[in-house]
N, C-alpha and C. Protein backbone atom coordinates (compact mmCIF):
# COMPACT_ATOMS: atom_id res chain seq x y z
N MET A 1 -75.83 133.68 -11.07
CA MET A 1 -76.48 134.11 -10.01
C MET A 1 -75.79 134.59 -8.65
N ALA A 2 -76.53 135.19 -8.07
CA ALA A 2 -75.65 136.76 -6.92
C ALA A 2 -75.66 135.48 -6.07
N GLU A 3 -75.03 136.70 -5.25
CA GLU A 3 -74.71 135.83 -3.60
C GLU A 3 -75.18 135.89 -2.61
N THR A 4 -75.79 135.07 -2.50
CA THR A 4 -76.75 135.59 -1.01
C THR A 4 -76.24 135.55 0.40
N LEU A 5 -76.24 136.67 0.11
CA LEU A 5 -76.05 137.35 1.95
C LEU A 5 -75.41 136.20 3.51
N ASN A 6 -77.20 135.73 3.39
CA ASN A 6 -77.33 134.79 4.40
C ASN A 6 -76.90 132.99 3.20
N GLN A 7 -75.49 133.31 3.21
CA GLN A 7 -76.61 131.65 2.14
C GLN A 7 -75.98 130.45 3.13
N PRO A 8 -75.88 129.63 3.99
CA PRO A 8 -74.46 128.94 4.27
C PRO A 8 -73.55 128.60 3.19
N THR A 9 -72.20 128.34 4.80
CA THR A 9 -71.12 127.62 3.35
C THR A 9 -71.44 126.53 4.03
N ASP A 10 -70.41 126.37 3.74
CA ASP A 10 -69.76 124.06 4.61
C ASP A 10 -69.44 124.68 5.45
N ASP A 11 -69.98 126.02 6.66
CA ASP A 11 -69.49 125.74 7.73
C ASP A 11 -70.67 125.50 8.58
N GLY A 12 -71.73 125.79 7.86
CA GLY A 12 -72.88 127.21 8.32
C GLY A 12 -73.26 128.16 8.63
N HIS A 13 -72.45 128.28 7.82
CA HIS A 13 -71.90 130.65 8.48
C HIS A 13 -72.66 130.80 7.02
N GLY A 14 -73.27 131.91 6.97
CA GLY A 14 -73.91 132.42 5.80
C GLY A 14 -71.89 133.71 5.54
N ALA A 15 -72.77 133.42 3.98
CA ALA A 15 -71.11 134.43 3.51
C ALA A 15 -70.59 135.23 4.06
N ALA A 16 -71.75 136.54 4.71
CA ALA A 16 -70.73 137.87 5.57
C ALA A 16 -69.52 136.92 5.72
N VAL A 17 -69.99 136.40 7.01
CA VAL A 17 -68.39 136.15 8.04
C VAL A 17 -67.91 135.57 6.54
N ALA A 18 -67.92 134.97 6.07
CA ALA A 18 -67.32 134.05 4.98
C ALA A 18 -65.92 135.71 4.67
N ARG A 19 -66.31 136.62 4.43
CA ARG A 19 -65.75 137.62 3.33
C ARG A 19 -65.26 138.10 5.48
N LEU A 20 -65.44 137.67 6.00
CA LEU A 20 -64.75 138.69 7.26
C LEU A 20 -63.26 138.46 6.80
N THR A 21 -62.86 136.73 6.52
CA THR A 21 -61.49 135.65 6.14
C THR A 21 -61.28 136.30 5.67
N SER A 22 -62.49 135.86 4.63
CA SER A 22 -61.52 136.27 2.44
C SER A 22 -60.93 137.60 2.13
N ARG A 23 -61.91 138.14 2.18
CA ARG A 23 -61.92 140.36 1.61
C ARG A 23 -60.69 141.01 3.45
N HIS A 24 -61.02 140.59 4.57
CA HIS A 24 -61.29 141.75 5.33
C HIS A 24 -60.01 141.03 5.87
N GLY A 25 -59.28 139.50 5.97
CA GLY A 25 -58.63 139.22 6.11
C GLY A 25 -58.30 138.65 7.97
N LEU A 26 -59.74 138.88 8.46
CA LEU A 26 -59.83 138.51 10.31
C LEU A 26 -59.67 136.76 10.34
N PRO A 27 -58.53 136.48 10.92
CA PRO A 27 -58.02 135.24 11.65
C PRO A 27 -59.23 133.79 11.80
N VAL A 28 -59.26 133.08 11.72
CA VAL A 28 -60.61 132.03 12.61
C VAL A 28 -60.11 131.28 13.05
N ILE A 29 -61.09 131.62 14.83
CA ILE A 29 -59.86 130.76 16.01
C ILE A 29 -60.84 129.42 16.35
N ALA A 30 -60.57 128.43 15.87
CA ALA A 30 -61.46 127.23 15.66
C ALA A 30 -60.62 126.01 16.74
N ASP A 31 -60.01 126.88 17.56
CA ASP A 31 -59.21 126.54 18.26
C ASP A 31 -58.84 127.29 19.97
N GLU A 32 -59.60 126.91 20.94
CA GLU A 32 -59.78 128.05 22.24
C GLU A 32 -58.05 128.52 22.54
N LYS A 33 -57.08 127.51 21.67
CA LYS A 33 -54.99 127.32 21.99
C LYS A 33 -54.98 128.62 20.78
N GLU A 34 -55.51 128.48 20.10
CA GLU A 34 -55.54 129.60 18.91
C GLU A 34 -55.85 131.55 18.43
N LEU A 35 -56.00 131.12 19.91
CA LEU A 35 -56.76 133.00 20.67
C LEU A 35 -55.17 133.20 20.94
N SER A 36 -54.84 134.89 20.16
CA SER A 36 -53.31 134.67 19.94
C SER A 36 -53.25 136.05 20.68
N ALA A 37 -52.10 136.11 21.42
CA ALA A 37 -51.97 137.47 22.33
C ALA A 37 -51.95 139.00 22.34
N ASP A 38 -52.07 139.08 20.70
CA ASP A 38 -52.12 139.83 20.77
C ASP A 38 -53.94 140.71 20.44
N ILE A 39 -54.58 139.65 20.27
CA ILE A 39 -56.06 139.96 20.68
C ILE A 39 -56.22 140.11 21.64
N ALA A 40 -56.03 138.81 22.82
CA ALA A 40 -56.75 138.89 23.75
C ALA A 40 -56.04 140.23 24.23
N ALA A 41 -54.47 140.32 23.61
CA ALA A 41 -54.76 141.63 24.63
C ALA A 41 -55.12 143.09 24.36
N ALA A 42 -55.74 143.39 23.28
CA ALA A 42 -56.53 144.34 23.10
C ALA A 42 -57.58 143.63 21.77
N GLY A 43 -58.36 143.53 21.12
CA GLY A 43 -58.84 142.93 20.06
C GLY A 43 -60.79 142.40 20.90
N ILE A 44 -60.97 142.17 19.11
CA ILE A 44 -62.70 142.05 19.65
C ILE A 44 -62.51 140.93 18.77
N LEU A 45 -63.42 139.70 19.99
CA LEU A 45 -63.75 138.80 19.19
C LEU A 45 -65.58 138.37 18.42
N PHE A 46 -65.28 138.97 17.09
CA PHE A 46 -66.35 137.50 16.73
C PHE A 46 -67.18 136.47 17.72
N PHE A 47 -68.46 136.16 17.51
CA PHE A 47 -68.77 134.91 17.91
C PHE A 47 -70.28 135.12 16.47
N PRO A 48 -70.29 134.43 15.69
CA PRO A 48 -71.32 134.08 15.06
C PRO A 48 -72.41 133.28 15.75
N GLY A 49 -72.34 132.56 16.05
CA GLY A 49 -73.08 131.46 16.03
C GLY A 49 -72.94 130.19 15.07
N ASP A 50 -73.79 129.57 15.21
CA ASP A 50 -73.27 128.29 14.87
C ASP A 50 -75.33 127.99 14.30
N ASP A 51 -76.09 129.25 13.69
CA ASP A 51 -77.00 129.32 13.16
C ASP A 51 -76.66 130.92 11.84
N ALA A 52 -77.11 129.91 10.45
CA ALA A 52 -76.61 131.15 9.80
C ALA A 52 -77.92 131.83 9.88
N GLY A 53 -78.66 131.23 9.70
CA GLY A 53 -80.48 132.35 9.82
C GLY A 53 -80.59 132.60 11.15
N ARG A 54 -79.37 133.17 11.30
CA ARG A 54 -80.32 134.28 12.71
C ARG A 54 -79.52 135.76 11.12
N PRO A 55 -80.32 136.61 11.44
CA PRO A 55 -80.21 137.59 10.72
C PRO A 55 -78.98 138.79 11.33
N GLU A 56 -79.03 139.50 12.26
CA GLU A 56 -78.46 139.94 12.89
C GLU A 56 -76.32 139.71 12.37
N ILE A 57 -76.31 138.11 12.48
CA ILE A 57 -75.27 137.89 11.67
C ILE A 57 -73.91 138.33 10.39
N HIS A 58 -75.79 138.91 9.36
CA HIS A 58 -75.09 140.27 8.55
C HIS A 58 -74.16 140.93 9.11
N ASP A 59 -75.23 141.85 9.56
CA ASP A 59 -75.29 143.32 10.38
C ASP A 59 -74.13 142.94 11.19
N VAL A 60 -73.44 142.08 12.28
CA VAL A 60 -72.17 142.53 12.37
C VAL A 60 -71.48 142.16 11.69
N ALA A 61 -71.29 141.54 10.98
CA ALA A 61 -70.49 140.50 10.14
C ALA A 61 -70.16 142.47 9.20
N VAL A 62 -70.60 143.21 8.90
CA VAL A 62 -70.43 144.00 7.93
C VAL A 62 -70.45 145.55 9.00
N ILE A 63 -70.79 145.42 10.22
CA ILE A 63 -70.50 146.44 10.99
C ILE A 63 -68.84 146.25 11.35
N LEU A 64 -68.46 145.38 12.35
CA LEU A 64 -66.91 145.10 13.12
C LEU A 64 -66.32 145.16 11.79
N PRO A 65 -65.93 144.89 10.33
CA PRO A 65 -64.76 146.29 9.32
C PRO A 65 -65.01 147.55 9.13
N GLU A 66 -65.97 147.54 8.88
CA GLU A 66 -65.96 149.70 9.72
C GLU A 66 -65.23 149.66 11.10
N LEU A 67 -65.66 149.54 12.05
CA LEU A 67 -64.91 149.30 13.16
C LEU A 67 -63.80 149.21 13.58
N LEU A 68 -63.33 148.41 12.57
CA LEU A 68 -61.60 147.58 12.62
C LEU A 68 -61.26 149.95 11.75
N ALA A 69 -62.06 149.75 10.69
CA ALA A 69 -61.46 150.76 9.48
C ALA A 69 -61.37 152.33 10.99
N THR A 70 -62.64 152.72 11.80
CA THR A 70 -62.35 153.57 11.97
C THR A 70 -61.40 153.88 13.45
N LEU A 71 -60.50 152.49 13.55
CA LEU A 71 -59.85 152.26 15.33
C LEU A 71 -58.57 152.54 13.79
N ALA A 72 -58.56 152.95 12.56
CA ALA A 72 -57.45 152.13 12.32
C ALA A 72 -55.66 151.74 12.62
N GLY A 73 -56.37 150.52 12.63
CA GLY A 73 -54.96 149.51 13.23
C GLY A 73 -54.50 149.20 14.09
N ARG A 74 -55.65 150.23 15.61
CA ARG A 74 -55.10 149.99 16.84
C ARG A 74 -55.80 148.42 17.74
N VAL A 75 -56.64 147.77 17.11
CA VAL A 75 -57.25 146.83 17.60
C VAL A 75 -57.57 145.86 16.82
N ARG A 76 -56.86 144.45 16.86
CA ARG A 76 -57.22 143.21 15.93
C ARG A 76 -58.50 142.59 16.35
N ALA A 77 -58.86 141.49 15.37
CA ALA A 77 -60.54 141.38 15.68
C ALA A 77 -59.90 139.45 14.26
N ALA A 78 -60.85 138.55 15.41
CA ALA A 78 -61.41 137.39 15.22
C ALA A 78 -62.83 137.14 14.88
N VAL A 79 -62.29 136.08 14.12
CA VAL A 79 -64.23 135.13 14.13
C VAL A 79 -63.89 133.90 15.01
N VAL A 80 -64.75 133.63 15.79
CA VAL A 80 -65.08 132.31 16.57
C VAL A 80 -65.63 131.61 16.06
N ARG A 81 -65.39 130.31 16.15
CA ARG A 81 -66.53 129.71 14.89
C ARG A 81 -65.55 127.89 15.58
N GLY A 82 -66.64 126.79 15.16
CA GLY A 82 -66.49 125.67 15.65
C GLY A 82 -66.42 124.87 17.44
N PRO A 83 -65.36 124.07 17.00
CA PRO A 83 -65.40 124.18 18.71
C PRO A 83 -64.91 125.16 19.80
N ALA A 84 -64.03 125.91 18.87
CA ALA A 84 -63.54 126.95 19.65
C ALA A 84 -64.97 128.06 20.83
N ASP A 85 -66.08 128.17 20.17
CA ASP A 85 -66.82 128.60 20.16
C ASP A 85 -67.40 128.58 21.82
N GLU A 86 -68.00 127.24 22.48
CA GLU A 86 -68.40 127.00 23.44
C GLU A 86 -67.44 127.99 24.23
N PRO A 87 -66.12 127.33 24.45
CA PRO A 87 -65.35 127.73 25.92
C PRO A 87 -65.21 129.04 25.55
N LEU A 88 -64.94 129.95 24.29
CA LEU A 88 -64.09 130.50 24.68
C LEU A 88 -65.70 131.87 24.78
N ARG A 89 -66.87 131.42 24.69
CA ARG A 89 -67.95 132.12 24.81
C ARG A 89 -68.04 131.87 26.19
N ALA A 90 -67.86 131.01 27.58
CA ALA A 90 -67.95 130.60 28.21
C ALA A 90 -66.64 131.57 29.67
N ARG A 91 -65.67 131.96 28.78
CA ARG A 91 -64.73 133.09 29.60
C ARG A 91 -64.94 133.90 29.23
N TYR A 92 -65.63 134.52 27.89
CA TYR A 92 -65.75 135.80 28.05
C TYR A 92 -67.20 136.80 28.73
N GLY A 93 -67.64 135.29 29.10
CA GLY A 93 -69.72 135.71 29.18
C GLY A 93 -70.37 136.03 28.50
N ILE A 94 -70.39 135.39 26.87
CA ILE A 94 -71.34 135.80 26.29
C ILE A 94 -72.91 135.21 25.96
N LEU A 95 -73.38 135.40 26.33
CA LEU A 95 -75.13 134.64 26.77
C LEU A 95 -75.77 134.37 24.89
N THR A 96 -75.49 135.35 23.93
CA THR A 96 -76.74 135.87 23.84
C THR A 96 -75.39 136.35 21.36
N VAL A 97 -75.37 135.96 21.36
CA VAL A 97 -75.16 135.86 19.21
C VAL A 97 -76.12 135.56 18.31
N PRO A 98 -75.80 136.70 17.43
CA PRO A 98 -73.99 136.90 17.48
C PRO A 98 -74.00 138.25 18.24
N ALA A 99 -72.54 137.89 18.99
CA ALA A 99 -71.67 139.09 19.68
C ALA A 99 -70.12 139.77 19.25
N LEU A 100 -70.12 140.75 19.27
CA LEU A 100 -68.78 141.01 19.92
C LEU A 100 -68.39 141.40 21.30
N ALA A 101 -67.13 140.88 21.00
CA ALA A 101 -66.38 140.61 22.79
C ALA A 101 -65.20 141.68 22.50
N PHE A 102 -65.25 142.34 23.40
CA PHE A 102 -64.08 143.91 23.81
C PHE A 102 -62.85 143.55 24.60
N LEU A 103 -62.34 142.81 24.07
CA LEU A 103 -60.41 142.70 25.03
C LEU A 103 -59.72 143.32 25.73
N ARG A 104 -59.73 143.52 27.19
CA ARG A 104 -58.46 144.19 27.42
C ARG A 104 -57.64 142.86 28.53
N ASP A 105 -55.79 143.18 27.53
CA ASP A 105 -55.27 142.41 29.24
C ASP A 105 -56.18 140.81 28.92
N GLY A 106 -56.55 140.46 28.09
CA GLY A 106 -56.40 139.43 28.51
C GLY A 106 -58.07 138.93 28.65
N VAL A 107 -58.86 140.52 29.23
CA VAL A 107 -60.65 140.44 30.15
C VAL A 107 -61.08 140.48 28.52
N CYS A 108 -62.17 139.68 29.08
CA CYS A 108 -63.65 141.50 28.18
C CYS A 108 -64.54 142.47 28.69
N ILE A 109 -63.81 143.52 28.43
CA ILE A 109 -64.45 144.88 29.38
C ILE A 109 -66.01 145.56 28.61
N ALA A 110 -65.83 144.71 27.74
CA ALA A 110 -67.53 144.92 26.87
C ALA A 110 -67.58 143.19 26.19
N ALA A 111 -69.42 143.81 25.82
CA ALA A 111 -70.18 142.68 25.41
C ALA A 111 -70.50 142.80 24.62
N ILE A 112 -70.87 143.23 22.69
CA ILE A 112 -72.33 143.44 22.23
C ILE A 112 -73.00 142.38 22.17
N PRO A 113 -74.40 141.96 22.00
CA PRO A 113 -75.15 140.77 21.90
C PRO A 113 -75.98 141.67 20.61
N ARG A 114 -76.50 140.83 19.80
CA ARG A 114 -77.35 141.40 19.14
C ARG A 114 -76.12 142.58 17.51
N VAL A 115 -77.42 143.86 17.17
CA VAL A 115 -76.76 144.93 16.83
C VAL A 115 -77.26 145.65 17.50
N ALA A 116 -76.49 146.95 17.99
CA ALA A 116 -76.53 148.54 19.12
C ALA A 116 -76.22 148.70 18.09
N ASP A 117 -76.71 150.11 19.20
CA ASP A 117 -76.10 152.46 18.40
C ASP A 117 -75.08 151.69 17.68
N TRP A 118 -74.47 152.62 17.13
CA TRP A 118 -72.93 152.03 16.56
C TRP A 118 -72.37 152.95 17.65
N SER A 119 -72.97 154.42 18.80
CA SER A 119 -71.56 155.15 19.54
C SER A 119 -71.78 153.76 20.44
N ALA A 120 -72.39 152.59 20.87
CA ALA A 120 -72.32 151.70 21.93
C ALA A 120 -70.68 150.73 21.22
N TYR A 121 -70.71 150.62 19.50
CA TYR A 121 -69.47 149.69 19.56
C TYR A 121 -67.85 151.03 19.74
N VAL A 122 -67.98 152.10 18.99
CA VAL A 122 -67.23 153.15 19.03
C VAL A 122 -66.96 153.52 21.02
N ALA A 123 -67.46 153.45 20.76
CA ALA A 123 -67.38 153.22 22.50
C ALA A 123 -67.00 152.24 23.30
N ALA A 124 -67.15 150.32 23.22
CA ALA A 124 -66.26 150.21 23.21
C ALA A 124 -65.18 149.68 22.98
N ALA A 125 -65.01 149.97 22.30
CA ALA A 125 -64.06 149.74 20.90
C ALA A 125 -62.01 150.75 21.31
N ILE A 126 -63.50 151.73 21.52
CA ILE A 126 -61.64 153.38 22.10
C ILE A 126 -61.60 152.51 23.42
N ARG A 127 -62.14 152.11 24.39
CA ARG A 127 -61.62 151.81 25.37
C ARG A 127 -60.76 150.43 25.21
N VAL A 128 -60.80 149.03 24.95
CA VAL A 128 -59.38 149.08 24.39
C VAL A 128 -58.81 149.21 23.44
N ALA A 129 -58.76 150.57 22.32
CA ALA A 129 -57.55 151.08 22.18
C ALA A 129 -57.13 151.49 23.42
N GLU A 130 -57.30 152.43 24.23
CA GLU A 130 -56.40 153.49 24.86
C GLU A 130 -56.46 152.57 26.60
N GLY A 131 -57.12 151.13 26.28
CA GLY A 131 -56.73 150.94 27.89
C GLY A 131 -57.67 150.52 28.66
N ARG A 132 -58.72 151.92 28.38
CA ARG A 132 -59.45 152.18 29.86
C ARG A 132 -60.67 150.77 30.29
N PRO A 133 -60.95 150.92 31.44
CA PRO A 133 -61.70 149.77 32.27
C PRO A 133 -62.97 149.85 31.46
N SER A 134 -64.48 148.89 31.73
CA SER A 134 -65.46 149.06 31.42
C SER A 134 -66.33 150.26 32.06
C-alpha cells in the first residue's frame, strides 16, 4: 500500500512530518527545555500543530528541507510537537500553524504561517544565517 502523505502517525502528525525526522534527521523538540543553543542562535523551528488534517503541513514539510539545502548547513532546524508546542508558540509569537519560526540569538526575527512565496522563506533564512535583524 502506498504511503499517504497526510496519513496520521501515532502522534497525530502526517507522514510528511515524520519524514523530516527520519529521512532528514531533524530533531524533535517535545519539551521546551530541549531547544538547543545552536538552533536558538541561528535556526528554524517548524510548528506543524496537532491537526494532521491541515493540508499546508505537507507543503511546509517539503519546503523546509529544500530551504536547509539552499543554505548549505548555515542554519539548523527542528520540529516542535507535544508539550513544547504551546510554550514555544507563545514565546515566539506563533499564532497560526503550520508555521516556520526563524530564530537568531534566541529571538524570532521572522515567522511564516501556512505557505508563502519561496522568496519569503529564503529572505528570512538568509537573515538568520547572516545575523541580520528583521
